Amino acid sequence: MAAGADAMLSGKLAACAGSVGPGSLHFINGLYESHRNRAPVVLIASQHVRDEIGFDFPQEVDYKTVYASCSVFCEEVAQPRRRSV
């Protein structure tokens, strides 16, 4: 919510980051409020190691499903893409 308030008051992009699992779900209220107010906020939420995803790990969260409804853009980056020079 602090990032959303900062973005709304300054008119500039604000960022926040969260740790894996339920800890990142604490951002949902602030993101919904920011989305409603059109305050530009970017959230970076970490995820479990790819080898553990899909095995019902207790702290696994499907972030795309959770955050898509309160985002203009929501994407999961599983592996960095290397650009050729």
Protein backbone atom coordinates (compact mmCIF):
# COMPACT_ATOMS: atom_id res chain seq x y z
CA MET A 1 0.00 0.00 0.00
CA ALA A 2 2.94 2.31 0.62
CA ALA A 3 4.15 1.92 -2.96
CA GLY A 4 0.66 2.70 -4.25
CA ALA A 5 0.40 5.81 -2.10
CA ASP A 6 3.83 6.97 -3.24
CA ALA A 7 2.89 6.44 -6.89
CA MET A 8 -0.44 8.20 -6.48
CA LEU A 9 1.07 11.23 -4.73
CA SER A 10 4.16 11.57 -6.92
CA GLY A 11 2.70 10.43 -10.24
CA LYS A 12 5.83 8.33 -10.75
CA LEU A 13 6.29 4.57 -10.96
CA ALA A 14 6.79 2.92 -7.57
CA ALA A 15 8.11 -0.59 -6.98
CA CYS A 16 7.75 -3.22 -4.32
CA ALA A 17 9.10 -6.76 -3.97
CA GLY A 18 8.11 -9.78 -1.96
CA SER A 19 9.35 -13.17 -0.96
CA VAL A 20 8.06 -16.51 -2.11
CA GLY A 21 4.68 -17.93 -1.16
CA PRO A 22 2.07 -16.46 1.11
CA GLY A 23 4.30 -13.51 2.02
CA SER A 24 3.79 -12.10 -1.46
CA LEU A 25 0.03 -12.37 -1.09
CA HIS A 26 0.15 -9.52 1.40
CA PHE A 27 0.56 -7.22 -1.60
CA ILE A 28 -2.88 -7.99 -3.04
CA ASN A 29 -4.80 -5.26 -1.19
CA GLY A 30 -2.30 -2.58 -2.15
CA LEU A 31 -2.23 -3.71 -5.77
CA TYR A 32 -6.03 -3.68 -6.04
CA GLU A 33 -6.11 -0.18 -4.56
CA SER A 34 -3.34 1.02 -6.87
CA HIS A 35 -5.07 -0.50 -9.89
CA ARG A 36 -8.36 1.17 -8.93
CA ASN A 37 -6.61 4.53 -8.52
CA ARG A 38 -4.49 4.05 -11.67
CA ALA A 39 -1.34 4.50 -9.60
CA PRO A 40 1.67 3.01 -11.45
CA VAL A 41 3.15 0.23 -9.32
CA VAL A 42 5.34 -2.70 -10.28
CA LEU A 43 5.54 -5.78 -8.06
CA ILE A 44 8.37 -8.30 -8.24
CA ALA A 45 7.45 -11.49 -6.39
CA SER A 46 9.85 -14.39 -6.11
CA GLN A 47 8.79 -17.97 -6.77
CA HIS A 48 10.06 -21.41 -5.77
CA VAL A 49 12.74 -23.21 -7.68
CA ARG A 50 11.29 -24.44 -10.99
CA ASP A 51 11.89 -28.07 -10.04
CA GLU A 52 9.45 -27.71 -7.12
CA ILE A 53 6.59 -26.03 -9.02
CA GLY A 54 3.57 -28.25 -9.59
CA PHE A 55 4.23 -30.66 -6.73
CA ASP A 56 1.85 -29.00 -4.23
CA PHE A 57 4.70 -27.43 -2.28
CA PRO A 58 3.03 -25.76 0.74
CA GLN A 59 4.12 -22.23 -0.21
CA GLU A 60 3.57 -22.46 -3.97
CA VAL A 61 1.30 -19.71 -5.29
CA ASP A 62 0.02 -19.24 -8.84
CA TYR A 63 0.83 -15.53 -9.06
CA LYS A 64 -0.48 -15.02 -12.58
CA THR A 65 -3.96 -16.13 -11.52
CA VAL A 66 -3.89 -14.06 -8.34
CA TYR A 67 -2.48 -10.81 -9.73
CA ALA A 68 -3.94 -10.76 -13.27
CA SER A 69 -7.23 -9.20 -12.14
CA CYS A 70 -5.50 -6.20 -10.55
CA SER A 71 -2.79 -5.66 -13.16
CA VAL A 72 -2.41 -4.01 -16.52
CA PHE A 73 0.43 -6.42 -17.26
CA CYS A 74 1.18 -9.63 -15.38
CA GLU A 75 3.83 -12.09 -16.49
CA GLU A 76 5.99 -14.80 -14.98
CA VAL A 77 9.67 -14.85 -15.91
CA ALA A 78 10.95 -18.39 -15.52
CA GLN A 79 14.28 -18.00 -17.23
CA PRO A 80 16.15 -14.97 -18.52
CA ARG A 81 16.37 -14.70 -22.28
CA ARG A 82 19.80 -13.96 -23.61
CA ARG A 83 19.96 -11.57 -26.52
CA SER A 84 22.58 -12.10 -29.16
CA VAL A 85 24.82 -9.11 -29.81
